[in-house]
PDB file of N, CA and C in Angstrom:
ATOM      1  N   UNK A   1      19.057  30.223 102.443  1.00  0.00           N
ATOM      2  CA  UNK A   1      20.216  29.189 102.023  1.00  0.00           C
ATOM      3  C   UNK A   1      19.645  27.849 102.141  1.00  0.00           C
ATOM      4  N   UNK A   2      19.778  27.090 101.098  1.00  0.00           N
ATOM      5  CA  UNK A   2      19.237  25.822 100.853  1.00  0.00           C
ATOM      6  C   UNK A   2      20.395  24.760 101.926  1.00  0.00           C
ATOM      7  N   UNK A   3      19.714  23.752 102.445  1.00  0.00           N
ATOM      8  CA  UNK A   3      20.838  22.846 103.161  1.00  0.00           C
ATOM      9  C   UNK A   3      20.487  21.333 102.626  1.00  0.00           C
ATOM     10  N   UNK A   4      21.084  20.353 102.879  1.00  0.00           N
ATOM     11  CA  UNK A   4      20.711  19.184 102.490  1.00  0.00           C
ATOM     12  C   UNK A   4      21.229  18.910 100.960  1.00  0.00           C
ATOM     13  N   UNK A   5      20.347  17.930 100.278  1.00  0.00           N
ATOM     14  CA  UNK A   5      20.376  17.701  98.963  1.00  0.00           C
ATOM     15  C   UNK A   5      19.860  18.763  98.027  1.00  0.00           C
ATOM     16  N   UNK A   6      20.189  19.483  97.319  1.00  0.00           N
ATOM     17  CA  UNK A   6      19.776  20.362  96.594  1.00  0.00           C
ATOM     18  C   UNK A   6      19.470  19.786  95.093  1.00  0.00           C
ATOM     19  N   UNK A   7      18.356  19.798  94.734  1.00  0.00           N
ATOM     20  CA  UNK A   7      18.042  18.787  93.350  1.00  0.00           C
ATOM     21  C   UNK A   7      17.685  20.105  92.409  1.00  0.00           C
ATOM     22  N   UNK A   8      18.538  19.953  91.412  1.00  0.00           N
ATOM     23  CA  UNK A   8      18.342  20.917  90.215  1.00  0.00           C
ATOM     24  C   UNK A   8      16.949  20.729  89.763  1.00  0.00           C
ATOM     25  N   UNK A   9      16.182  21.681  89.081  1.00  0.00           N
ATOM     26  CA  UNK A   9      14.959  21.641  88.616  1.00  0.00           C
ATOM     27  C   UNK A   9      14.690  20.546  87.598  1.00  0.00           C
ATOM     28  N   UNK A  10      15.868  20.351  86.430  1.00  0.00           N
ATOM     29  CA  UNK A  10      15.744  19.532  85.639  1.00  0.00           C
ATOM     30  C   UNK A  10      15.786  18.161  86.030  1.00  0.00           C
ATOM     31  N   UNK A  11      16.071  17.741  87.462  1.00  0.00           N
ATOM     32  CA  UNK A  11      15.934  16.487  88.088  1.00  0.00           C
ATOM     33  C   UNK A  11      14.814  16.037  88.715  1.00  0.00           C
ATOM     34  N   UNK A  12      13.923  17.183  88.872  1.00  0.00           N
ATOM     35  CA  UNK A  12      12.700  16.884  89.870  1.00  0.00           C
ATOM     36  C   UNK A  12      11.862  16.074  88.837  1.00  0.00           C
ATOM     37  N   UNK A  13      11.175  14.889  89.541  1.00  0.00           N
ATOM     38  CA  UNK A  13      10.137  14.224  88.851  1.00  0.00           C
ATOM     39  C   UNK A  13       8.871  14.947  88.803  1.00  0.00           C
ATOM     40  N   UNK A  14       7.997  14.279  88.082  1.00  0.00           N
ATOM     41  CA  UNK A  14       6.802  14.876  87.716  1.00  0.00           C
ATOM     42  C   UNK A  14       5.847  15.144  88.982  1.00  0.00           C
ATOM     43  N   UNK A  15       6.188  14.608  90.070  1.00  0.00           N
ATOM     44  CA  UNK A  15       5.285  14.752  91.458  1.00  0.00           C
ATOM     45  C   UNK A  15       6.193  15.720  92.244  1.00  0.00           C
ATOM     46  N   UNK A  16       7.169  16.344  91.824  1.00  0.00           N
ATOM     47  CA  UNK A  16       7.977  17.396  92.748  1.00  0.00           C
ATOM     48  C   UNK A  16       8.665  16.366  93.818  1.00  0.00           C
ATOM     49  N   UNK A  17       9.074  15.242  93.633  1.00  0.00           N
ATOM     50  CA  UNK A  17       9.611  14.692  94.752  1.00  0.00           C
ATOM     51  C   UNK A  17      11.282  14.483  94.604  1.00  0.00           C
ATOM     52  N   UNK A  18      11.890  15.263  93.770  1.00  0.00           N
ATOM     53  CA  UNK A  18      13.371  15.334  93.664  1.00  0.00           C
ATOM     54  C   UNK A  18      13.677  14.390  92.593  1.00  0.00           C
ATOM     55  N   UNK A  19      14.599  13.557  92.765  1.00  0.00           N
ATOM     56  CA  UNK A  19      15.158  12.629  91.825  1.00  0.00           C
ATOM     57  C   UNK A  19      14.132  11.544  91.235  1.00  0.00           C
ATOM     58  N   UNK A  20      14.083  11.320  90.005  1.00  0.00           N
ATOM     59  CA  UNK A  20      13.245  10.187  89.689  1.00  0.00           C
ATOM     60  C   UNK A  20      13.977   8.890  89.989  1.00  0.00           C
ATOM     61  N   UNK A  21      12.923   7.926  90.067  1.00  0.00           N
ATOM     62  CA  UNK A  21      13.629   6.496  90.547  1.00  0.00           C
ATOM     63  C   UNK A  21      14.768   6.046  89.560  1.00  0.00           C
ATOM     64  N   UNK A  22      14.619   6.257  88.442  1.00  0.00           N
ATOM     65  CA  UNK A  22      15.498   5.785  87.210  1.00  0.00           C
ATOM     66  C   UNK A  22      16.833   6.605  87.662  1.00  0.00           C
ATOM     67  N   UNK A  23      16.668   7.754  88.016  1.00  0.00           N
ATOM     68  CA  UNK A  23      18.132   8.706  88.502  1.00  0.00           C
ATOM     69  C   UNK A  23      18.691   7.931  89.633  1.00  0.00           C
ATOM     70  N   UNK A  24      18.037   7.518  90.521  1.00  0.00           N
ATOM     71  CA  UNK A  24      18.563   7.175  91.675  1.00  0.00           C
ATOM     72  C   UNK A  24      19.293   5.805  91.468  1.00  0.00           C
ATOM     73  N   UNK A  25      18.441   4.856  90.798  1.00  0.00           N
ATOM     74  CA  UNK A  25      19.076   3.682  90.345  1.00  0.00           C
ATOM     75  C   UNK A  25      20.357   3.757  89.668  1.00  0.00           C
ATOM     76  N   UNK A  26      20.396   4.560  88.651  1.00  0.00           N
ATOM     77  CA  UNK A  26      21.511   4.951  87.693  1.00  0.00           C
ATOM     78  C   UNK A  26      22.699   5.602  88.813  1.00  0.00           C
ATOM     79  N   UNK A  27      22.311   6.363  89.626  1.00  0.00           N
ATOM     80  CA  UNK A  27      23.572   6.756  90.508  1.00  0.00           C
ATOM     81  C   UNK A  27      24.036   5.557  91.474  1.00  0.00           C
ATOM     82  N   UNK A  28      23.170   4.931  91.922  1.00  0.00           N
ATOM     83  CA  UNK A  28      23.661   3.612  92.660  1.00  0.00           C
ATOM     84  C   UNK A  28      24.416   2.693  91.694  1.00  0.00           C
ATOM     85  N   UNK A  29      24.119   2.434  90.725  1.00  0.00           N
ATOM     86  CA  UNK A  29      24.981   1.653  89.687  1.00  0.00           C
ATOM     87  C   UNK A  29      26.342   2.104  89.497  1.00  0.00           C
ATOM     88  N   UNK A  30      26.266   3.608  89.319  1.00  0.00           N
ATOM     89  CA  UNK A  30      27.704   4.425  89.117  1.00  0.00           C
ATOM     90  C   UNK A  30      28.542   4.039  90.171  1.00  0.00           C
ATOM     91  N   UNK A  31      27.897   4.136  91.419  1.00  0.00           N
ATOM     92  CA  UNK A  31      28.864   4.237  92.614  1.00  0.00           C
ATOM     93  C   UNK A  31      29.225   2.555  92.868  1.00  0.00           C
ATOM     94  N   UNK A  32      28.464   1.649  92.525  1.00  0.00           N
ATOM     95  CA  UNK A  32      28.771   0.288  92.468  1.00  0.00           C
ATOM     96  C   UNK A  32      30.044   0.135  91.452  1.00  0.00           C
ATOM     97  N   UNK A  33      29.942   0.735  90.310  1.00  0.00           N
ATOM     98  CA  UNK A  33      31.020   0.456  89.239  1.00  0.00           C
ATOM     99  C   UNK A  33      32.308   1.103  89.798  1.00  0.00           C
ATOM    100  N   UNK A  34      32.223   2.325  90.506  1.00  0.00           N
ATOM    101  CA  UNK A  34      33.438   2.840  90.927  1.00  0.00           C
ATOM    102  C   UNK A  34      33.973   2.084  92.214  1.00  0.00           C
ATOM    103  N   UNK A  35      33.157   1.504  92.842  1.00  0.00           N
ATOM    104  CA  UNK A  35      33.719   0.558  94.158  1.00  0.00           C
ATOM    105  C   UNK A  35      34.367  -0.793  93.515  1.00  0.00           C
ATOM    106  N   UNK A  36      33.903  -1.159  92.386  1.00  0.00           N
ATOM    107  CA  UNK A  36      34.414  -2.233  91.703  1.00  0.00           C
ATOM    108  C   UNK A  36      35.744  -1.936  91.084  1.00  0.00           C
ATOM    109  N   UNK A  37      35.848  -0.742  90.715  1.00  0.00           N
ATOM    110  CA  UNK A  37      37.153  -0.210  89.933  1.00  0.00           C
ATOM    111  C   UNK A  37      38.171   0.010  91.118  1.00  0.00           C
ATOM    112  N   UNK A  38      37.546   0.560  92.305  1.00  0.00           N
ATOM    113  CA  UNK A  38      38.677   0.878  93.230  1.00  0.00           C
ATOM    114  C   UNK A  38      39.237  -0.694  93.821  1.00  0.00           C
ATOM    115  N   UNK A  39      38.313  -1.597  94.049  1.00  0.00           N
ATOM    116  CA  UNK A  39      38.737  -2.977  94.660  1.00  0.00           C
ATOM    117  C   UNK A  39      39.736  -3.663  93.538  1.00  0.00           C
ATOM    118  N   UNK A  40      39.336  -3.424  92.350  1.00  0.00           N
ATOM    119  CA  UNK A  40      40.574  -3.794  91.147  1.00  0.00           C
ATOM    120  C   UNK A  40      41.767  -3.405  91.381  1.00  0.00           C
ATOM    121  N   UNK A  41      41.830  -1.957  91.508  1.00  0.00           N
ATOM    122  CA  UNK A  41      42.936  -1.216  91.495  1.00  0.00           C
ATOM    123  C   UNK A  41      43.803  -1.603  92.882  1.00  0.00           C
ATOM    124  N   UNK A  42      43.119  -1.676  93.890  1.00  0.00           N
ATOM    125  CA  UNK A  42      43.503  -2.111  95.246  1.00  0.00           C
ATOM    126  C   UNK A  42      44.176  -3.511  95.325  1.00  0.00           C
ATOM    127  N   UNK A  43      43.462  -4.326  94.494  1.00  0.00           N
ATOM    128  CA  UNK A  43      44.163  -5.793  94.541  1.00  0.00           C
ATOM    129  C   UNK A  43      45.139  -5.829  93.779  1.00  0.00           C
ATOM    130  N   UNK A  44      45.374  -5.134  92.434  1.00  0.00           N
ATOM    131  CA  UNK A  44      46.693  -4.905  91.763  1.00  0.00           C
ATOM    132  C   UNK A  44      47.839  -4.283  92.587  1.00  0.00           C
ATOM    133  N   UNK A  45      47.362  -3.298  93.363  1.00  0.00           N
ATOM    134  CA  UNK A  45      48.349  -2.211  94.182  1.00  0.00           C
ATOM    135  C   UNK A  45      48.761  -3.516  95.231  1.00  0.00           C
ATOM    136  N   UNK A  46      47.927  -4.108  95.783  1.00  0.00           N
ATOM    137  CA  UNK A  46      48.372  -5.148  97.023  1.00  0.00           C
ATOM    138  C   UNK A  46      49.388  -6.180  96.151  1.00  0.00           C
ATOM    139  N   UNK A  47      49.046  -6.696  95.000  1.00  0.00           N
ATOM    140  CA  UNK A  47      49.781  -7.912  94.390  1.00  0.00           C
ATOM    141  C   UNK A  47      51.232  -7.085  94.227  1.00  0.00           C
ATOM    142  N   UNK A  48      51.375  -5.809  93.826  1.00  0.00           N
ATOM    143  CA  UNK A  48      52.702  -5.184  93.582  1.00  0.00           C
ATOM    144  C   UNK A  48      53.163  -4.651  94.828  1.00  0.00           C
ATOM    145  N   UNK A  49      52.865  -4.976  95.868  1.00  0.00           N
ATOM    146  CA  UNK A  49      53.364  -4.297  97.152  1.00  0.00           C
ATOM    147  C   UNK A  49      53.510  -2.940  97.439  1.00  0.00           C
ATOM    148  N   UNK A  50      52.445  -2.075  96.903  1.00  0.00           N
ATOM    149  CA  UNK A  50      52.547  -0.571  96.957  1.00  0.00           C
ATOM    150  C   UNK A  50      51.274  -0.171  97.445  1.00  0.00           C
ATOM    151  N   UNK A  51      50.219  -1.069  97.952  1.00  0.00           N
ATOM    152  CA  UNK A  51      48.864  -0.332  98.422  1.00  0.00           C
ATOM    153  C   UNK A  51      48.932   0.546  99.415  1.00  0.00           C
ATOM    154  N   UNK A  52      49.865   0.457 100.491  1.00  0.00           N
ATOM    155  CA  UNK A  52      50.048   1.478 101.498  1.00  0.00           C
ATOM    156  C   UNK A  52      50.439   3.039 100.847  1.00  0.00           C
ATOM    157  N   UNK A  53      50.589   3.091  99.664  1.00  0.00           N
ATOM    158  CA  UNK A  53      50.999   4.365  98.894  1.00  0.00           C
ATOM    159  C   UNK A  53      49.826   5.008  98.240  1.00  0.00           C
ATOM    160  N   UNK A  54      48.810   4.447  98.215  1.00  0.00           N
ATOM    161  CA  UNK A  54      47.527   4.819  97.332  1.00  0.00           C
ATOM    162  C   UNK A  54      46.384   5.249  98.445  1.00  0.00           C
ATOM    163  N   UNK A  55      45.692   6.163  98.270  1.00  0.00           N
ATOM    164  CA  UNK A  55      44.266   6.311  99.027  1.00  0.00           C
ATOM    165  C   UNK A  55      43.257   6.650  97.782  1.00  0.00           C
ATOM    166  N   UNK A  56      41.939   6.513  98.365  1.00  0.00           N
ATOM    167  CA  UNK A  56      40.762   6.452  97.212  1.00  0.00           C
ATOM    168  C   UNK A  56      39.644   7.195  97.781  1.00  0.00           C
ATOM    169  N   UNK A  57      38.879   7.881  97.196  1.00  0.00           N
ATOM    170  CA  UNK A  57      37.660   8.742  97.303  1.00  0.00           C
ATOM    171  C   UNK A  57      36.714   8.570  96.200  1.00  0.00           C
ATOM    172  N   UNK A  58      35.457   8.214  96.772  1.00  0.00           N
ATOM    173  CA  UNK A  58      34.302   8.249  95.756  1.00  0.00           C
ATOM    174  C   UNK A  58      33.504   9.482  96.293  1.00  0.00           C
ATOM    175  N   UNK A  59      33.279  10.460  95.270  1.00  0.00           N
ATOM    176  CA  UNK A  59      32.422  11.636  95.475  1.00  0.00           C
ATOM    177  C   UNK A  59      31.938  11.978  94.249  1.00  0.00           C
ATOM    178  N   UNK A  60      31.404  13.178  94.235  1.00  0.00           N
ATOM    179  CA  UNK A  60      30.688  13.594  93.012  1.00  0.00           C
ATOM    180  C   UNK A  60      31.530  13.898  91.713  1.00  0.00           C
ATOM    181  N   UNK A  61      32.895  13.856  92.095  1.00  0.00           N
ATOM    182  CA  UNK A  61      33.785  13.857  90.866  1.00  0.00           C
ATOM    183  C   UNK A  61      34.097  12.294  90.343  1.00  0.00           C
ATOM    184  N   UNK A  62      33.602  11.304  91.051  1.00  0.00           N
ATOM    185  CA  UNK A  62      33.937  10.053  90.642  1.00  0.00           C
ATOM    186  C   UNK A  62      34.954   9.459  91.431  1.00  0.00           C
ATOM    187  N   UNK A  63      35.827   8.669  91.202  1.00  0.00           N
ATOM    188  CA  UNK A  63      36.808   7.938  91.824  1.00  0.00           C
ATOM    189  C   UNK A  63      37.973   8.511  91.804  1.00  0.00           C
ATOM    190  N   UNK A  64      38.551   9.118  92.942  1.00  0.00           N
ATOM    191  CA  UNK A  64      39.833  10.022  92.895  1.00  0.00           C
ATOM    192  C   UNK A  64      40.747   8.901  93.611  1.00  0.00           C
ATOM    193  N   UNK A  65      41.971   8.585  92.904  1.00  0.00           N
ATOM    194  CA  UNK A  65      42.922   7.801  93.339  1.00  0.00           C
ATOM    195  C   UNK A  65      44.239   8.776  93.587  1.00  0.00           C
ATOM    196  N   UNK A  66      44.587   8.592  95.065  1.00  0.00           N
ATOM    197  CA  UNK A  66      45.747   9.767  95.469  1.00  0.00           C
ATOM    198  C   UNK A  66      47.000   9.004  95.932  1.00  0.00           C
ATOM    199  N   UNK A  67      48.116   9.407  95.173  1.00  0.00           N
ATOM    200  CA  UNK A  67      49.438   8.915  95.705  1.00  0.00           C
ATOM    201  C   UNK A  67      49.582   9.628  97.170  1.00  0.00           C
ATOM    202  N   UNK A  68      49.921   8.880  98.071  1.00  0.00           N
ATOM    203  CA  UNK A  68      50.129   9.457  99.376  1.00  0.00           C
ATOM    204  C   UNK A  68      51.275   8.867  99.987  1.00  0.00           C
ATOM    205  N   UNK A  69      51.916   9.730 101.087  1.00  0.00           N
ATOM    206  CA  UNK A  69      53.019   9.364 101.755  1.00  0.00           C
ATOM    207  C   UNK A  69      53.898  10.581 102.044  1.00  0.00           C
ATOM    208  N   UNK A  70      54.956  10.323 102.682  1.00  0.00           N
ATOM    209  CA  UNK A  70      55.979  11.450 103.066  1.00  0.00           C
ATOM    210  C   UNK A  70      57.104  11.595 101.969  1.00  0.00           C
ATOM    211  N   UNK A  71      57.213  10.614 101.044  1.00  0.00           N
ATOM    212  CA  UNK A  71      58.353  10.575 100.199  1.00  0.00           C
ATOM    213  C   UNK A  71      57.715  11.610  98.833  1.00  0.00           C
ATOM    214  N   UNK A  72      58.595  11.923  97.991  1.00  0.00           N
ATOM    215  CA  UNK A  72      58.174  12.540  96.852  1.00  0.00           C
ATOM    216  C   UNK A  72      57.910  11.438  95.776  1.00  0.00           C
ATOM    217  N   UNK A  73      57.353  11.670  94.759  1.00  0.00           N
ATOM    218  CA  UNK A  73      57.277  10.895  93.581  1.00  0.00           C
ATOM    219  C   UNK A  73      58.158  11.182  92.520  1.00  0.00           C
ATOM    220  N   UNK A  74      58.791  12.301  92.391  1.00  0.00           N
ATOM    221  CA  UNK A  74      59.716  12.897  91.571  1.00  0.00           C
ATOM    222  C   UNK A  74      60.978  13.211  92.227  1.00  0.00           C
ATOM    223  N   UNK A  75      61.874  12.972  91.511  1.00  0.00           N
ATOM    224  CA  UNK A  75      63.309  13.636  91.955  1.00  0.00           C
ATOM    225  C   UNK A  75      63.158  15.161  91.651  1.00  0.00           C
ATOM    226  N   UNK A  76      64.029  15.989  92.725  1.00  0.00           N
ATOM    227  CA  UNK A  76      64.008  17.237  92.559  1.00  0.00           C
ATOM    228  C   UNK A  76      64.342  17.919  91.128  1.00  0.00           C
ATOM    229  N   UNK A  77      63.457  18.938  90.978  1.00  0.00           N
ATOM    230  CA  UNK A  77      63.334  19.548  89.516  1.00  0.00           C
ATOM    231  C   UNK A  77      63.485  18.443  88.182  1.00  0.00           C
ATOM    232  N   UNK A  78      62.600  17.484  88.400  1.00  0.00           N
ATOM    233  CA  UNK A  78      62.506  16.452  87.366  1.00  0.00           C
ATOM    234  C   UNK A  78      60.858  16.095  87.391  1.00  0.00           C
ATOM    235  N   UNK A  79      60.601  15.802  85.798  1.00  0.00           N
ATOM    236  CA  UNK A  79      59.175  15.518  85.533  1.00  0.00           C
ATOM    237  C   UNK A  79      59.220  13.994  85.472  1.00  0.00           C
ATOM    238  N   UNK A  80      60.236  12.996  85.710  1.00  0.00           N
ATOM    239  CA  UNK A  80      60.481  11.687  85.610  1.00  0.00           C
ATOM    240  C   UNK A  80      60.099  11.050  86.706  1.00  0.00           C
ATOM    241  N   UNK A  81      59.215  10.292  86.835  1.00  0.00           N
ATOM    242  CA  UNK A  81      58.616   9.422  87.976  1.00  0.00           C
ATOM    243  C   UNK A  81      59.801   8.781  88.517  1.00  0.00           C
ATOM    244  N   UNK A  82      59.845   8.658  90.029  1.00  0.00           N
ATOM    245  CA  UNK A  82      60.633   7.603  90.717  1.00  0.00           C
ATOM    246  C   UNK A  82      60.263   6.357  90.208  1.00  0.00           C
ATOM    247  N   UNK A  83      61.164   5.303  90.634  1.00  0.00           N
ATOM    248  CA  UNK A  83      60.874   3.795  90.121  1.00  0.00           C
ATOM    249  C   UNK A  83      59.591   3.281  91.105  1.00  0.00           C
ATOM    250  N   UNK A  84      59.638   3.836  92.277  1.00  0.00           N
ATOM    251  CA  UNK A  84      58.427   3.242  93.254  1.00  0.00           C
ATOM    252  C   UNK A  84      56.976   3.971  92.684  1.00  0.00           C
ATOM    253  N   UNK A  85      57.393   5.059  92.228  1.00  0.00           N
ATOM    254  CA  UNK A  85      55.708   5.787  91.769  1.00  0.00           C
ATOM    255  C   UNK A  85      55.598   5.025  90.333  1.00  0.00           C
ATOM    256  N   UNK A  86      56.516   4.877  89.380  1.00  0.00           N
ATOM    257  CA  UNK A  86      56.138   4.046  88.115  1.00  0.00           C
ATOM    258  C   UNK A  86      55.522   2.599  88.525  1.00  0.00           C
ATOM    259  N   UNK A  87      56.020   2.053  89.636  1.00  0.00           N
ATOM    260  CA  UNK A  87      55.366   0.763  89.889  1.00  0.00           C
ATOM    261  C   UNK A  87      53.760   0.860  90.226  1.00  0.00           C
ATOM    262  N   UNK A  88      53.713   2.010  91.058  1.00  0.00           N
ATOM    263  CA  UNK A  88      52.264   2.281  91.105  1.00  0.00           C
ATOM    264  C   UNK A  88      51.279   2.529  90.122  1.00  0.00           C
ATOM    265  N   UNK A  89      51.680   3.340  89.134  1.00  0.00           N
ATOM    266  CA  UNK A  89      51.160   3.485  87.862  1.00  0.00           C
ATOM    267  C   UNK A  89      50.987   2.311  87.021  1.00  0.00           C
ATOM    268  N   UNK A  90      52.108   1.528  87.021  1.00  0.00           N
ATOM    269  CA  UNK A  90      52.004   0.154  86.118  1.00  0.00           C
ATOM    270  C   UNK A  90      50.966  -0.817  86.914  1.00  0.00           C
ATOM    271  N   UNK A  91      50.738  -0.721  88.175  1.00  0.00           N
ATOM    272  CA  UNK A  91      49.847  -1.637  88.777  1.00  0.00           C
ATOM    273  C   UNK A  91      48.529  -1.031  88.584  1.00  0.00           C
ATOM    274  N   UNK A  92      47.820   0.183  88.431  1.00  0.00           N
ATOM    275  CA  UNK A  92      46.707   0.885  88.209  1.00  0.00           C
ATOM    276  C   UNK A  92      46.329   0.552  86.694  1.00  0.00           C
ATOM    277  N   UNK A  93      47.380   0.710  85.748  1.00  0.00           N
ATOM    278  CA  UNK A  93      47.364   0.879  84.433  1.00  0.00           C
ATOM    279  C   UNK A  93      46.155   0.051  83.818  1.00  0.00           C
ATOM    280  N   UNK A  94      46.292  -1.444  84.057  1.00  0.00           N
ATOM    281  CA  UNK A  94      45.217  -2.114  83.342  1.00  0.00           C
ATOM    282  C   UNK A  94      44.018  -2.076  83.846  1.00  0.00           C
ATOM    283  N   UNK A  95      43.778  -1.723  85.132  1.00  0.00           N
ATOM    284  CA  UNK A  95      42.329  -1.405  85.548  1.00  0.00           C
ATOM    285  C   UNK A  95      41.697  -0.068  84.717  1.00  0.00           C
ATOM    286  N   UNK A  96      42.524   1.148  84.753  1.00  0.00           N
ATOM    287  CA  UNK A  96      42.341   2.156  84.034  1.00  0.00           C
ATOM    288  C   UNK A  96      42.119   2.156  82.670  1.00  0.00           C
ATOM    289  N   UNK A  97      42.809   1.222  82.035  1.00  0.00           N
ATOM    290  CA  UNK A  97      42.640   1.082  80.370  1.00  0.00           C
ATOM    291  C   UNK A  97      41.514   0.509  79.985  1.00  0.00           C
ATOM    292  N   UNK A  98      41.007  -0.548  80.930  1.00  0.00           N
ATOM    293  CA  UNK A  98      39.815  -1.292  80.734  1.00  0.00           C
ATOM    294  C   UNK A  98      38.489  -0.505  80.922  1.00  0.00           C
ATOM    295  N   UNK A  99      38.418   0.613  81.534  1.00  0.00           N
ATOM    296  CA  UNK A  99      37.466   1.599  81.863  1.00  0.00           C
ATOM    297  C   UNK A  99      37.185   2.423  80.741  1.00  0.00           C
ATOM    298  N   UNK A 100      36.014   2.742  80.611  1.00  0.00           N
ATOM    299  CA  UNK A 100      35.444   3.774  79.627  1.00  0.00           C
ATOM    300  C   UNK A 100      35.372   5.278  80.180  1.00  0.00           C
ATOM    301  N   UNK A 101      35.549   5.111  81.320  1.00  0.00           N
ATOM    302  CA  UNK A 101      35.304   6.593  82.206  1.00  0.00           C
ATOM    303  C   UNK A 101      36.550   7.651  81.723  1.00  0.00           C
ATOM    304  N   UNK A 102      36.079   8.852  81.818  1.00  0.00           N
ATOM    305  CA  UNK A 102      36.939   9.846  81.677  1.00  0.00           C
ATOM    306  C   UNK A 102      37.931   9.880  82.884  1.00  0.00           C
ATOM    307  N   UNK A 103      39.268  10.165  82.267  1.00  0.00           N
ATOM    308  CA  UNK A 103      40.458  10.254  83.318  1.00  0.00           C
ATOM    309  C   UNK A 103      41.009  11.794  83.367  1.00  0.00           C
ATOM    310  N   UNK A 104      41.347  12.021  84.561  1.00  0.00           N
ATOM    311  CA  UNK A 104      42.015  13.312  84.699  1.00  0.00           C
ATOM    312  C   UNK A 104      43.188  13.130  85.483  1.00  0.00           C
ATOM    313  N   UNK A 105      44.321  13.789  85.220  1.00  0.00           N
ATOM    314  CA  UNK A 105      45.354  13.623  86.002  1.00  0.00           C
ATOM    315  C   UNK A 105      45.888  15.123  86.681  1.00  0.00           C
ATOM    316  N   UNK A 106      46.101  15.085  87.901  1.00  0.00           N
ATOM    317  CA  UNK A 106      46.338  16.187  88.726  1.00  0.00           C
ATOM    318  C   UNK A 106      47.561  16.153  89.341  1.00  0.00           C
ATOM    319  N   UNK A 107      48.367  17.095  89.544  1.00  0.00           N
ATOM    320  CA  UNK A 107      49.751  17.199  90.334  1.00  0.00           C
ATOM    321  C   UNK A 107      49.829  18.387  90.551  1.00  0.00           C
ATOM    322  N   UNK A 108      51.097  18.515  91.328  1.00  0.00           N
ATOM    323  CA  UNK A 108      51.601  19.804  91.806  1.00  0.00           C
ATOM    324  C   UNK A 108      53.258  19.791  92.120  1.00  0.00           C
ATOM    325  N   UNK A 109      53.826  20.986  91.858  1.00  0.00           N
ATOM    326  CA  UNK A 109      55.429  21.089  91.892  1.00  0.00           C
ATOM    327  C   UNK A 109      55.608  21.596  93.347  1.00  0.00           C
ATOM    328  N   UNK A 110      56.760  21.119  93.776  1.00  0.00           N
ATOM    329  CA  UNK A 110      57.331  21.857  95.047  1.00  0.00           C
ATOM    330  C   UNK A 110      57.635  22.972  95.037  1.00  0.00           C
ATOM    331  N   UNK A 111      57.228  24.128  95.604  1.00  0.00           N
ATOM    332  CA  UNK A 111      57.556  25.675  95.374  1.00  0.00           C
ATOM    333  C   UNK A 111      58.958  25.997  96.102  1.00  0.00           C
ATOM    334  N   UNK A 112      59.750  24.943  96.663  1.00  0.00           N
ATOM    335  CA  UNK A 112      60.927  25.352  97.342  1.00  0.00           C
ATOM    336  C   UNK A 112      61.930  25.235  96.491  1.00  0.00           C
ATOM    337  N   UNK A 113      62.900  26.161  96.513  1.00  0.00           N
ATOM    338  CA  UNK A 113      64.148  26.273  95.724  1.00  0.00           C
ATOM    339  C   UNK A 113      63.846  26.601  94.085  1.00  0.00           C
ATOM    340  N   UNK A 114      64.793  26.350  93.366  1.00  0.00           N
ATOM    341  CA  UNK A 114      64.770  26.723  91.803  1.00  0.00           C
ATOM    342  C   UNK A 114      64.198  25.477  91.230  1.00  0.00           C
ATOM    343  N   UNK A 115      63.366  25.927  89.912  1.00  0.00           N
ATOM    344  CA  UNK A 115      62.918  25.023  89.289  1.00  0.00           C
ATOM    345  C   UNK A 115      63.893  24.405  88.112  1.00  0.00           C
ATOM    346  N   UNK A 116      64.994  25.000  88.032  1.00  0.00           N
ATOM    347  CA  UNK A 116      65.970  24.760  86.934  1.00  0.00           C
ATOM    348  C   UNK A 116      66.091  23.412  86.783  1.00  0.00           C
ATOM    349  N   UNK A 117      66.057  22.878  85.423  1.00  0.00           N
ATOM    350  CA  UNK A 117      65.957  23.355  84.306  1.00  0.00           C
ATOM    351  C   UNK A 117      64.783  24.025  83.590  1.00  0.00           C
ATOM    352  N   UNK A 118      63.802  24.013  84.423  1.00  0.00           N
ATOM    353  CA  UNK A 118      62.532  24.716  83.886  1.00  0.00           C
ATOM    354  C   UNK A 118      62.341  26.213  84.269  1.00  0.00           C
ATOM    355  N   UNK A 119      61.778  26.774  83.501  1.00  0.00           N
ATOM    356  CA  UNK A 119      61.550  28.295  83.666  1.00  0.00           C
ATOM    357  C   UNK A 119      60.952  28.590  84.868  1.00  0.00           C
ATOM    358  N   UNK A 120      59.851  27.876  85.323  1.00  0.00           N
ATOM    359  CA  UNK A 120      59.271  28.104  86.616  1.00  0.00           C
ATOM    360  C   UNK A 120      58.662  26.946  87.116  1.00  0.00           C
ATOM    361  N   UNK A 121      58.057  26.913  88.384  1.00  0.00           N
ATOM    362  CA  UNK A 121      57.440  25.789  88.891  1.00  0.00           C
ATOM    363  C   UNK A 121      56.286  25.340  88.246  1.00  0.00           C
ATOM    364  N   UNK A 122      55.604  26.307  87.492  1.00  0.00           N
ATOM    365  CA  UNK A 122      54.485  26.184  86.695  1.00  0.00           C
ATOM    366  C   UNK A 122      54.849  25.255  85.494  1.00  0.00           C
ATOM    367  N   UNK A 123      55.869  25.663  84.968  1.00  0.00           N
ATOM    368  CA  UNK A 123      56.363  24.636  83.765  1.00  0.00           C
ATOM    369  C   UNK A 123      56.695  23.280  84.084  1.00  0.00           C
ATOM    370  N   UNK A 124      57.371  23.322  85.441  1.00  0.00           N
ATOM    371  CA  UNK A 124      57.607  21.911  86.050  1.00  0.00           C
ATOM    372  C   UNK A 124      56.415  21.257  86.013  1.00  0.00           C
ATOM    373  N   UNK A 125      55.433  21.813  86.731  1.00  0.00           N
ATOM    374  CA  UNK A 125      54.169  21.078  87.129  1.00  0.00           C
ATOM    375  C   UNK A 125      53.445  20.507  85.829  1.00  0.00           C
ATOM    376  N   UNK A 126      53.470  21.425  84.875  1.00  0.00           N
ATOM    377  CA  UNK A 126      52.786  20.809  83.530  1.00  0.00           C
ATOM    378  C   UNK A 126      53.490  20.059  83.083  1.00  0.00           C
TER     379      UNK A 126
END
């Protein structure tokens, strides 16, 4: 079993030393770009007074922005954001719109109780 950084064969340089120098520089630049984006989002969230409701991770997926807290971001059995959640989205939107990065949105529905008026929690989550 391999441990540490496993380098795919197509990324091994001609001397067998793993990543080519240009790949390392490109990866470092990508991390810096994501850090700048995180800082810009954080500044906007702070300006809107909602910075404490958002967390960030930078990993192999890119920059992940997470809504955090003990409150829910939707009313029960609703796909409409609460006003406070809409403020978070509105604060992040200008930074995200200016980016050429691919964006993915993920979420979950609470499995407690009936999802009515939706047929299932899956439908509500979608």
